[in-house]
Amino acid sequence: MVLIFPVLILFLFFVVAAGRLTDAKSDVVSAASDAARAASIQGSQGAATSAARDIAEETLDGEGVQCDGGARVEMRYEPEFGRGATVHAIVRCDVRTDDLALLNLPGVVTITQEAYEPIDSYRSL
């Protein structure tokens, strides 16, 4: 029992770390999807970029994800913002892991997710 107990405790810490990172990744996927969708329904590129950043931060805050330094949202419009274009949202979140004892994980793990959303070809801008 003396030999097995430390191994079980270490395994438990790894399970907690994996769970935290998996949950954060899932939430960043949702934030990227929400940002792309919010941008695709706006009337101008400036409004789209602003709406995407706001909704990504709101989604992460609502899920309780703590991004070290805040979420970073990058927007691209291919070919350019307008009917028939594609909105490309990239959300990056630095998740702290140095508070998990005994694992010697890096202090911050960066999670990056991308989402695409088309702008409707038949709507007016």
C-alpha atoms as a PDB file:
ATOM      1  CA  MET A   1       0.000   0.000   0.000  1.00  0.00           C
ATOM      2  CA  VAL A   2       2.884   2.362   0.766  1.00  0.00           C
ATOM      3  CA  LEU A   3       4.232   1.922  -2.773  1.00  0.00           C
ATOM      4  CA  ILE A   4       0.893   2.163  -4.585  1.00  0.00           C
ATOM      5  CA  PHE A   5      -0.626   5.152  -2.755  1.00  0.00           C
ATOM      6  CA  PRO A   6       1.786   7.826  -4.137  1.00  0.00           C
ATOM      7  CA  VAL A   7       1.272   6.504  -7.664  1.00  0.00           C
ATOM      8  CA  LEU A   8      -2.508   6.713  -7.245  1.00  0.00           C
ATOM      9  CA  ILE A   9      -2.282  10.272  -5.947  1.00  0.00           C
ATOM     10  CA  LEU A  10      -0.088  11.297  -8.886  1.00  0.00           C
ATOM     11  CA  PHE A  11      -2.531   9.640 -11.288  1.00  0.00           C
ATOM     12  CA  LEU A  12      -5.371  11.594  -9.667  1.00  0.00           C
ATOM     13  CA  PHE A  13      -3.494  14.864 -10.242  1.00  0.00           C
ATOM     14  CA  PHE A  14      -3.011  13.955 -13.916  1.00  0.00           C
ATOM     15  CA  VAL A  15      -6.728  13.232 -14.257  1.00  0.00           C
ATOM     16  CA  VAL A  16      -7.561  16.638 -12.756  1.00  0.00           C
ATOM     17  CA  ALA A  17      -5.101  18.396 -15.106  1.00  0.00           C
ATOM     18  CA  ALA A  18      -6.431  16.572 -18.162  1.00  0.00           C
ATOM     19  CA  GLY A  19      -9.998  17.388 -17.152  1.00  0.00           C
ATOM     20  CA  ARG A  20      -9.215  21.057 -16.693  1.00  0.00           C
ATOM     21  CA  LEU A  21      -7.512  21.332 -20.084  1.00  0.00           C
ATOM     22  CA  THR A  22     -10.213  19.331 -21.883  1.00  0.00           C
ATOM     23  CA  ASP A  23     -12.948  21.489 -20.379  1.00  0.00           C
ATOM     24  CA  ALA A  24     -11.082  24.682 -21.277  1.00  0.00           C
ATOM     25  CA  LYS A  25     -10.544  23.459 -24.845  1.00  0.00           C
ATOM     26  CA  SER A  26     -14.241  22.713 -25.231  1.00  0.00           C
ATOM     27  CA  ASP A  27     -15.121  26.180 -23.957  1.00  0.00           C
ATOM     28  CA  VAL A  28     -12.646  27.844 -26.339  1.00  0.00           C
ATOM     29  CA  VAL A  29     -14.218  25.888 -29.231  1.00  0.00           C
ATOM     30  CA  SER A  30     -17.608  27.305 -28.211  1.00  0.00           C
ATOM     31  CA  ALA A  31     -16.177  30.824 -27.942  1.00  0.00           C
ATOM     32  CA  ALA A  32     -14.654  30.608 -31.438  1.00  0.00           C
ATOM     33  CA  SER A  33     -17.915  29.340 -32.929  1.00  0.00           C
ATOM     34  CA  ASP A  34     -19.925  32.044 -31.167  1.00  0.00           C
ATOM     35  CA  ALA A  35     -17.469  34.727 -32.320  1.00  0.00           C
ATOM     36  CA  ALA A  36     -17.634  33.630 -35.958  1.00  0.00           C
ATOM     37  CA  ARG A  37     -21.426  33.500 -35.885  1.00  0.00           C
ATOM     38  CA  ALA A  38     -21.730  36.909 -34.202  1.00  0.00           C
ATOM     39  CA  ALA A  39     -19.391  38.449 -36.785  1.00  0.00           C
ATOM     40  CA  SER A  40     -21.249  36.898 -39.721  1.00  0.00           C
ATOM     41  CA  ILE A  41     -24.530  38.637 -38.896  1.00  0.00           C
ATOM     42  CA  GLN A  42     -23.126  42.166 -38.530  1.00  0.00           C
ATOM     43  CA  GLY A  43     -23.423  44.875 -41.173  1.00  0.00           C
ATOM     44  CA  SER A  44     -19.831  46.100 -41.258  1.00  0.00           C
ATOM     45  CA  GLN A  45     -16.330  44.795 -40.648  1.00  0.00           C
ATOM     46  CA  GLY A  46     -15.784  47.022 -37.603  1.00  0.00           C
ATOM     47  CA  ALA A  47     -19.058  45.961 -36.007  1.00  0.00           C
ATOM     48  CA  ALA A  48     -18.289  42.319 -36.820  1.00  0.00           C
ATOM     49  CA  THR A  49     -14.880  42.427 -35.180  1.00  0.00           C
ATOM     50  CA  SER A  50     -16.234  44.184 -32.095  1.00  0.00           C
ATOM     51  CA  ALA A  51     -19.179  41.791 -31.749  1.00  0.00           C
ATOM     52  CA  ALA A  52     -16.911  38.763 -32.158  1.00  0.00           C
ATOM     53  CA  ARG A  53     -14.554  39.903 -29.397  1.00  0.00           C
ATOM     54  CA  ASP A  54     -17.417  40.728 -27.055  1.00  0.00           C
ATOM     55  CA  ILE A  55     -19.213  37.418 -27.531  1.00  0.00           C
ATOM     56  CA  ALA A  56     -16.019  35.347 -27.225  1.00  0.00           C
ATOM     57  CA  GLU A  57     -15.154  36.981 -23.910  1.00  0.00           C
ATOM     58  CA  GLU A  58     -18.763  36.651 -22.733  1.00  0.00           C
ATOM     59  CA  THR A  59     -18.819  32.940 -23.626  1.00  0.00           C
ATOM     60  CA  LEU A  60     -15.566  32.225 -21.785  1.00  0.00           C
ATOM     61  CA  ASP A  61     -16.641  34.245 -18.748  1.00  0.00           C
ATOM     62  CA  GLY A  62     -19.988  32.440 -18.697  1.00  0.00           C
ATOM     63  CA  GLU A  63     -18.230  29.076 -18.664  1.00  0.00           C
ATOM     64  CA  GLY A  64     -15.838  30.161 -15.911  1.00  0.00           C
ATOM     65  CA  VAL A  65     -12.678  29.879 -18.018  1.00  0.00           C
ATOM     66  CA  GLN A  66      -9.905  32.082 -16.661  1.00  0.00           C
ATOM     67  CA  CYS A  67      -7.641  33.149 -19.519  1.00  0.00           C
ATOM     68  CA  ASP A  68      -4.354  34.518 -18.257  1.00  0.00           C
ATOM     69  CA  GLY A  69      -4.213  38.046 -19.704  1.00  0.00           C
ATOM     70  CA  GLY A  70      -7.697  37.678 -21.232  1.00  0.00           C
ATOM     71  CA  ALA A  71      -8.821  35.917 -24.371  1.00  0.00           C
ATOM     72  CA  ARG A  72      -7.215  36.945 -27.646  1.00  0.00           C
ATOM     73  CA  VAL A  73      -9.590  37.044 -30.591  1.00  0.00           C
ATOM     74  CA  GLU A  74      -8.351  37.466 -34.148  1.00  0.00           C
ATOM     75  CA  MET A  75     -10.753  37.936 -37.046  1.00  0.00           C
ATOM     76  CA  ARG A  76     -10.101  37.384 -40.744  1.00  0.00           C
ATOM     77  CA  TYR A  77     -12.494  37.868 -43.626  1.00  0.00           C
ATOM     78  CA  GLU A  78     -11.880  35.875 -46.767  1.00  0.00           C
ATOM     79  CA  PRO A  79     -11.725  37.375 -49.350  1.00  0.00           C
ATOM     80  CA  GLU A  80     -12.993  40.561 -47.655  1.00  0.00           C
ATOM     81  CA  PHE A  81     -16.010  41.408 -45.523  1.00  0.00           C
ATOM     82  CA  GLY A  82     -19.153  41.325 -47.639  1.00  0.00           C
ATOM     83  CA  ARG A  83     -21.807  39.056 -49.101  1.00  0.00           C
ATOM     84  CA  GLY A  84     -20.512  35.568 -49.775  1.00  0.00           C
ATOM     85  CA  ALA A  85     -17.343  36.042 -47.740  1.00  0.00           C
ATOM     86  CA  THR A  86     -16.220  33.728 -44.965  1.00  0.00           C
ATOM     87  CA  VAL A  87     -15.607  34.856 -41.407  1.00  0.00           C
ATOM     88  CA  HIS A  88     -12.607  33.174 -39.771  1.00  0.00           C
ATOM     89  CA  ALA A  89     -12.410  33.545 -35.980  1.00  0.00           C
ATOM     90  CA  ILE A  90      -9.313  32.507 -34.028  1.00  0.00           C
ATOM     91  CA  VAL A  91      -9.559  32.454 -30.224  1.00  0.00           C
ATOM     92  CA  ARG A  92      -6.511  31.943 -28.002  1.00  0.00           C
ATOM     93  CA  CYS A  93      -6.660  31.419 -24.254  1.00  0.00           C
ATOM     94  CA  ASP A  94      -3.715  30.925 -21.886  1.00  0.00           C
ATOM     95  CA  VAL A  95      -4.818  28.546 -19.122  1.00  0.00           C
ATOM     96  CA  ARG A  96      -2.721  28.463 -15.949  1.00  0.00           C
ATOM     97  CA  THR A  97      -1.658  25.021 -14.755  1.00  0.00           C
ATOM     98  CA  ASP A  98       1.070  25.864 -12.269  1.00  0.00           C
ATOM     99  CA  ASP A  99      -1.406  25.617  -9.376  1.00  0.00           C
ATOM    100  CA  LEU A 100      -1.636  21.838  -9.838  1.00  0.00           C
ATOM    101  CA  ALA A 101       0.859  20.518  -7.323  1.00  0.00           C
ATOM    102  CA  LEU A 102       3.435  17.808  -7.988  1.00  0.00           C
ATOM    103  CA  LEU A 103       2.936  17.628 -11.763  1.00  0.00           C
ATOM    104  CA  ASN A 104       5.626  20.028 -12.970  1.00  0.00           C
ATOM    105  CA  LEU A 105       3.424  21.189 -15.835  1.00  0.00           C
ATOM    106  CA  PRO A 106       4.327  24.378 -17.669  1.00  0.00           C
ATOM    107  CA  GLY A 107       2.869  27.424 -15.946  1.00  0.00           C
ATOM    108  CA  VAL A 108       0.606  28.287 -18.882  1.00  0.00           C
ATOM    109  CA  VAL A 109      -0.892  26.158 -21.646  1.00  0.00           C
ATOM    110  CA  THR A 110      -2.141  28.051 -24.701  1.00  0.00           C
ATOM    111  CA  ILE A 111      -5.337  26.729 -26.241  1.00  0.00           C
ATOM    112  CA  THR A 112      -6.096  27.924 -29.774  1.00  0.00           C
ATOM    113  CA  GLN A 113      -9.266  27.179 -31.703  1.00  0.00           C
ATOM    114  CA  GLU A 114     -10.609  28.353 -35.046  1.00  0.00           C
ATOM    115  CA  ALA A 115     -14.112  28.603 -36.482  1.00  0.00           C
ATOM    116  CA  TYR A 116     -15.497  29.566 -39.875  1.00  0.00           C
ATOM    117  CA  GLU A 117     -18.894  31.009 -40.730  1.00  0.00           C
ATOM    118  CA  PRO A 118     -20.160  32.179 -44.121  1.00  0.00           C
ATOM    119  CA  ILE A 119     -21.811  35.554 -44.574  1.00  0.00           C
ATOM    120  CA  ASP A 120     -25.170  35.036 -46.286  1.00  0.00           C
ATOM    121  CA  SER A 121     -24.954  35.866 -49.985  1.00  0.00           C
ATOM    122  CA  TYR A 122     -28.560  37.048 -50.173  1.00  0.00           C
ATOM    123  CA  ARG A 123     -28.758  39.490 -47.274  1.00  0.00           C
ATOM    124  CA  SER A 124     -28.209  43.223 -47.469  1.00  0.00           C
ATOM    125  CA  LEU A 125     -25.215  44.758 -45.762  1.00  0.00           C
END
